[in-house]
Amino acid sequence: MKNPIFARAKIYRIALDAMFLAIFVVLSLVPSELSWASLAALLCAFLVGPVDVLVVVLCGSFVEQMTYGLSFASVIWMLPWLVFGLVAGLGAYLVRRNPKPWKMIPVIVLSELLLNVANTLALLYFGYAVIDFQAGPLVVIGAFLARMPHAVVRALLSSVAMPLLLPPLKKQLDKLSH
């Protein structure tokens, strides 16, 4: 017979993943200039773990792509979230023992900026491969510069929100798990 405590922990973790996935999907579908789906993924990374954040971002970006219609290009649009999940998950794992704000902020900023870079590269690749749009160096630089303010604002706001949200959420999740 399996250990019931271990089985309970697995079910609890799956429930947390489902909760963060639902938050991710809702935030990604809210019409806004800035997508806040990364906030749900960052919370998952710091509260649950690197594998869980990968599950959340891949499933969440898949559901998001389903709203636009699945095609071969859907994989292209899911890759930036994979990059985000890897960076956020590994970074959160490294600072997990002592999650001080000054240790979390570089992980948050790097994750957000790399998400922006990966999204821009996906956009340019999609334009090149699918639409036969020839992007010269000035177009690539212009695309990065045009999209960077959104990433910087999202990184700054996430850097402020995460240290405020994590302690009370961690406290409540610790209560629920026992």
Protein backbone atom coordinates (compact mmCIF):
# COMPACT_ATOMS: atom_id res chain seq x y z
CA MET A 1 0.00 0.00 0.00
CA LYS A 2 1.27 3.47 -0.85
CA ASN A 3 2.04 5.99 1.82
CA PRO A 4 -1.15 8.12 2.21
CA ILE A 5 0.86 11.19 3.24
CA PHE A 6 2.89 11.03 0.03
CA ALA A 7 -0.27 10.53 -2.04
CA ARG A 8 -1.88 13.51 -0.29
CA ALA A 9 1.16 15.66 -1.06
CA LYS A 10 0.98 14.73 -4.75
CA ILE A 11 -2.72 15.56 -4.90
CA TYR A 12 -2.09 18.85 -3.11
CA ARG A 13 0.63 19.74 -5.60
CA ILE A 14 -1.60 18.87 -8.57
CA ALA A 15 -4.33 21.05 -7.07
CA LEU A 16 -1.88 23.95 -6.71
CA ASP A 17 -0.76 23.50 -10.32
CA ALA A 18 -4.39 23.55 -11.46
CA MET A 19 -5.03 26.70 -9.45
CA PHE A 20 -2.02 28.51 -10.92
CA LEU A 21 -2.95 27.24 -14.38
CA ALA A 22 -6.46 28.68 -14.02
CA ILE A 23 -5.05 32.02 -12.86
CA PHE A 24 -2.53 31.99 -15.74
CA VAL A 25 -5.25 31.36 -18.33
CA VAL A 26 -7.59 34.01 -16.94
CA LEU A 27 -4.81 36.61 -16.77
CA SER A 28 -3.60 35.76 -20.28
CA LEU A 29 -7.07 36.22 -21.75
CA VAL A 30 -7.81 39.55 -20.07
CA PRO A 31 -7.57 42.23 -22.77
CA SER A 32 -4.85 44.59 -21.66
CA GLU A 33 -1.73 46.33 -22.92
CA LEU A 34 0.30 44.22 -20.49
CA SER A 35 -0.18 40.50 -20.00
CA TRP A 36 -0.17 39.56 -16.34
CA ALA A 37 -0.04 35.80 -16.91
CA SER A 38 3.62 35.87 -15.94
CA LEU A 39 2.63 36.88 -12.40
CA ALA A 40 0.78 33.58 -11.91
CA ALA A 41 3.75 31.69 -13.33
CA LEU A 42 6.18 33.51 -11.04
CA LEU A 43 4.03 32.74 -8.01
CA CYS A 44 3.98 29.09 -9.03
CA ALA A 45 7.76 29.08 -9.49
CA PHE A 46 8.47 30.55 -6.05
CA LEU A 47 5.75 28.68 -4.16
CA VAL A 48 5.71 25.23 -5.77
CA GLY A 49 8.77 24.60 -7.92
CA PRO A 50 10.47 24.53 -11.31
CA VAL A 51 8.72 21.47 -12.74
CA ASP A 52 5.34 22.83 -11.75
CA VAL A 53 5.95 26.21 -13.38
CA LEU A 54 6.88 24.45 -16.63
CA VAL A 55 3.63 22.48 -16.50
CA VAL A 56 1.65 25.66 -15.81
CA VAL A 57 3.22 27.78 -18.56
CA LEU A 58 3.10 25.06 -21.21
CA CYS A 59 -0.49 24.05 -20.46
CA GLY A 60 -1.52 27.68 -20.04
CA SER A 61 0.06 28.81 -23.28
CA PHE A 62 -1.53 25.82 -25.04
CA VAL A 63 -4.98 26.83 -23.76
CA GLU A 64 -4.26 30.42 -24.79
CA GLN A 65 -3.32 29.21 -28.28
CA MET A 66 -6.56 27.22 -28.47
CA THR A 67 -8.50 30.48 -28.19
CA TYR A 68 -6.75 31.74 -31.34
CA GLY A 69 -7.00 28.43 -33.16
CA LEU A 70 -4.34 25.74 -33.16
CA SER A 71 -1.91 25.60 -36.06
CA PHE A 72 1.71 24.70 -36.65
CA ALA A 73 2.57 28.22 -35.48
CA SER A 74 1.11 27.52 -32.01
CA VAL A 75 4.34 25.80 -31.02
CA ILE A 76 6.29 28.92 -32.00
CA TRP A 77 4.14 31.01 -29.65
CA MET A 78 4.52 28.49 -26.81
CA LEU A 79 8.34 28.55 -26.91
CA PRO A 80 8.72 31.97 -25.22
CA TRP A 81 6.72 30.67 -22.26
CA LEU A 82 8.97 27.62 -22.14
CA VAL A 83 11.99 29.93 -21.89
CA PHE A 84 10.21 31.94 -19.19
CA GLY A 85 9.32 28.79 -17.23
CA LEU A 86 12.87 27.45 -17.37
CA VAL A 87 14.45 30.70 -16.22
CA ALA A 88 11.84 31.47 -13.55
CA GLY A 89 11.78 27.89 -12.29
CA LEU A 90 15.55 27.49 -12.04
CA GLY A 91 15.97 30.96 -10.56
CA ALA A 92 13.26 30.35 -7.97
CA TYR A 93 14.84 27.00 -7.13
CA LEU A 94 18.19 28.68 -6.49
CA VAL A 95 16.73 31.29 -4.12
CA ARG A 96 14.13 29.00 -2.54
CA ARG A 97 15.89 28.45 0.77
CA ASN A 98 16.13 32.16 1.49
CA PRO A 99 13.65 34.06 -0.72
CA LYS A 100 14.64 37.60 0.16
CA PRO A 101 13.36 40.32 -2.20
CA TRP A 102 16.85 41.32 -3.28
CA LYS A 103 17.45 37.70 -4.37
CA MET A 104 14.09 37.33 -6.12
CA ILE A 105 14.17 40.55 -8.13
CA PRO A 106 16.98 39.50 -10.53
CA VAL A 107 15.11 36.25 -11.26
CA ILE A 108 11.88 38.16 -11.93
CA VAL A 109 13.50 40.81 -14.12
CA LEU A 110 15.56 38.28 -16.11
CA SER A 111 12.50 36.06 -16.64
CA GLU A 112 10.34 38.94 -17.83
CA LEU A 113 12.99 40.37 -20.15
CA LEU A 114 13.79 36.98 -21.66
CA LEU A 115 10.07 36.40 -22.22
CA ASN A 116 9.99 39.66 -24.16
CA VAL A 117 13.07 38.74 -26.19
CA ALA A 118 11.72 35.26 -26.95
CA ASN A 119 8.31 36.69 -27.92
CA THR A 120 9.94 39.20 -30.25
CA LEU A 121 12.09 36.51 -31.84
CA ALA A 122 8.99 34.31 -32.25
CA LEU A 123 7.16 37.22 -33.88
CA LEU A 124 10.04 37.87 -36.27
CA TYR A 125 10.46 34.16 -37.05
CA PHE A 126 6.72 33.80 -37.65
CA GLY A 127 6.80 36.81 -39.93
CA TYR A 128 9.80 35.47 -41.79
CA ALA A 129 8.79 31.81 -42.08
CA VAL A 130 5.04 32.13 -42.56
CA ILE A 131 4.36 35.51 -44.10
CA ASP A 132 7.67 35.77 -45.97
CA PHE A 133 8.42 39.06 -44.27
CA GLN A 134 12.08 39.99 -44.74
CA ALA A 135 13.32 41.60 -41.54
CA GLY A 136 16.51 43.58 -41.79
CA PRO A 137 18.67 44.53 -38.79
CA LEU A 138 16.83 47.83 -38.31
CA VAL A 139 13.47 46.07 -38.16
CA VAL A 140 14.80 43.61 -35.56
CA ILE A 141 16.25 46.41 -33.41
CA GLY A 142 13.08 48.45 -33.83
CA ALA A 143 10.91 45.50 -32.77
CA PHE A 144 12.96 44.99 -29.62
CA LEU A 145 12.92 48.69 -28.76
CA ALA A 146 9.17 48.97 -29.37
CA ARG A 147 8.39 45.97 -27.16
CA MET A 148 10.93 46.64 -24.41
CA PRO A 149 8.93 49.28 -22.45
CA HIS A 150 6.16 46.74 -21.82
CA ALA A 151 8.67 44.20 -20.55
CA VAL A 152 10.38 46.74 -18.30
CA VAL A 153 7.07 47.92 -16.80
CA ARG A 154 5.92 44.32 -16.27
CA ALA A 155 9.27 43.42 -14.70
CA LEU A 156 9.15 46.40 -12.34
CA LEU A 157 5.55 45.80 -11.30
CA SER A 158 6.17 42.07 -10.83
CA SER A 159 9.27 42.87 -8.78
CA VAL A 160 7.16 45.02 -6.48
CA ALA A 161 4.19 42.61 -6.34
CA MET A 162 6.05 39.35 -5.73
CA PRO A 163 7.69 40.27 -2.39
CA LEU A 164 4.31 41.58 -1.23
CA LEU A 165 2.29 38.55 -2.36
CA LEU A 166 4.62 35.68 -1.53
CA PRO A 167 4.80 35.80 2.30
CA PRO A 168 1.04 35.78 2.95
CA LEU A 169 0.41 33.19 0.22
CA LYS A 170 3.19 30.96 1.53
CA LYS A 171 1.78 31.25 5.04
CA GLN A 172 -1.71 30.26 3.87
CA LEU A 173 -0.42 27.38 1.73
CA ASP A 174 1.64 26.09 4.65
CA LYS A 175 -1.51 26.11 6.80
CA LEU A 176 -3.46 24.20 4.16
CA SER A 177 -0.80 21.57 3.63
CA HIS A 178 -0.80 20.39 7.24
